[in-house]
Protein backbone atom coordinates (compact mmCIF):
# COMPACT_ATOMS: atom_id res chain seq x y z
CA MET A 1 -28.69 3.94 -6.93
CA LYS A 2 -30.82 6.13 -8.72
CA SER A 3 -33.75 5.01 -10.87
CA GLY A 4 -32.65 5.47 -14.37
CA ALA A 5 -29.34 5.88 -13.62
CA PRO A 6 -26.41 4.00 -15.41
CA THR A 7 -25.37 1.14 -13.83
CA PRO A 8 -21.62 0.46 -13.08
CA PHE A 9 -19.56 -1.00 -15.42
CA SER A 10 -16.62 -4.02 -14.76
CA ALA A 11 -13.84 -4.62 -17.36
CA SER A 12 -15.89 -7.35 -19.02
CA ASP A 13 -18.09 -5.01 -20.34
CA GLU A 14 -18.39 -4.44 -24.00
CA THR A 15 -18.79 -0.24 -23.61
CA VAL A 16 -15.70 -0.42 -21.38
CA THR A 17 -13.50 -2.15 -23.58
CA SER A 18 -14.86 0.52 -26.83
CA GLY A 19 -12.02 3.20 -26.49
CA ARG A 20 -15.00 5.47 -28.13
CA GLU A 21 -17.61 4.57 -26.14
CA PHE A 22 -15.54 4.73 -22.84
CA PRO A 23 -15.43 8.86 -21.99
CA ASP A 24 -19.17 9.06 -22.52
CA ARG A 25 -19.54 6.56 -20.20
CA VAL A 26 -17.90 7.86 -17.99
CA ARG A 27 -19.47 11.18 -18.41
CA GLN A 28 -22.94 9.40 -18.05
CA LEU A 29 -22.18 7.72 -14.79
CA LEU A 30 -20.76 10.61 -13.03
CA ALA A 31 -23.55 12.70 -14.53
CA SER A 32 -25.98 10.44 -12.70
CA ARG A 33 -24.84 11.02 -9.25
CA THR A 34 -24.90 13.82 -6.53
CA PRO A 35 -22.07 15.64 -5.73
CA VAL A 36 -21.26 15.41 -1.76
CA ARG A 37 -20.96 18.51 -0.14
CA VAL A 38 -18.69 18.51 2.61
CA ASP A 39 -17.19 21.15 5.37
CA PRO A 40 -13.71 21.78 4.24
CA GLY A 41 -12.55 23.06 7.71
CA GLY A 42 -10.01 20.19 9.14
CA PHE A 43 -9.18 19.08 5.66
CA ARG A 44 -5.93 19.68 3.34
CA ARG A 45 -6.56 20.59 -0.47
CA ALA A 46 -5.73 17.92 -2.17
CA SER A 47 -6.39 16.74 -6.16
CA VAL A 48 -5.95 13.41 -8.02
CA LEU A 49 -5.58 12.61 -11.76
CA LEU A 50 -7.36 9.69 -13.14
CA PRO A 51 -5.45 8.88 -16.03
CA LEU A 52 -7.29 6.82 -18.03
CA PHE A 53 -5.78 5.11 -21.59
CA ALA A 54 -5.79 2.57 -24.16
CA PRO A 55 -2.45 1.06 -24.56
CA SER A 56 -3.39 0.16 -28.52
CA PRO A 57 -6.17 0.66 -30.52
CA GLY A 58 -9.44 -1.42 -29.48
CA ALA A 59 -7.49 -2.06 -26.31
CA PRO A 60 -9.51 -2.54 -22.85
CA THR A 61 -9.11 0.86 -21.11
CA GLU A 62 -6.75 1.21 -18.19
CA LEU A 63 -6.32 3.39 -15.38
CA TRP A 64 -2.46 4.78 -14.70
CA LEU A 65 -1.53 4.03 -11.64
CA VAL A 66 1.91 5.12 -9.39
CA ARG A 67 4.10 3.36 -6.76
CA ARG A 68 5.20 5.88 -4.28
CA SER A 69 8.85 6.12 -3.40
CA ASP A 70 10.54 4.10 -0.72
CA GLY A 71 12.13 7.46 0.61
CA MET A 72 8.86 9.34 1.28
CA ARG A 73 7.90 9.75 4.80
CA VAL A 74 4.31 8.36 4.59
CA HIS A 75 2.98 6.24 2.56
CA ARG A 76 6.12 5.06 1.00
CA GLY A 77 5.93 2.20 -1.33
CA GLN A 78 2.09 2.52 -1.74
CA VAL A 79 0.08 2.22 -4.79
CA ALA A 80 -1.73 5.60 -5.25
CA LEU A 81 -3.48 7.64 -7.93
CA PRO A 82 -1.22 10.56 -9.10
CA GLY A 83 -1.73 13.56 -7.00
CA GLY A 84 -1.03 15.23 -3.82
CA LYS A 85 -1.32 18.29 -1.64
CA HIS A 86 -2.39 21.63 -3.19
CA GLU A 87 0.70 23.89 -2.63
CA PRO A 88 0.59 28.15 -3.20
CA GLN A 89 1.76 28.10 -6.62
CA ASP A 90 -0.94 26.02 -7.77
CA ALA A 91 -3.40 28.19 -9.84
CA ASP A 92 -5.87 25.46 -8.65
CA LEU A 93 -6.63 22.20 -8.00
CA LEU A 94 -6.28 20.99 -11.93
CA ALA A 95 -2.75 22.58 -11.42
CA THR A 96 -2.14 20.20 -8.82
CA ALA A 97 -2.94 16.55 -10.14
CA LEU A 98 -1.14 18.00 -13.27
CA ARG A 99 1.94 19.01 -11.27
CA GLU A 100 1.68 15.85 -9.33
């Protein structure tokens, strides 16, 4: 981790349990990271959503996961983040994540 970078948090951190402070903490942590660039050759374009929510005021922030259908060809029944493969009709990767 970079010197002076914010420390990662856990579910027991007070900053995580505060609904108002949580988005700022996530932004701070993401801003402290150096993006990794990869050669897109050989990869499929895809996008996932990180839907974070507090079920009630003052409740700890939770992450919404989905369970893939047992009828899927691959990864059936697995727990996953919402999202998937980019389709030609998707305007961009945000549209891909939201469509899924």
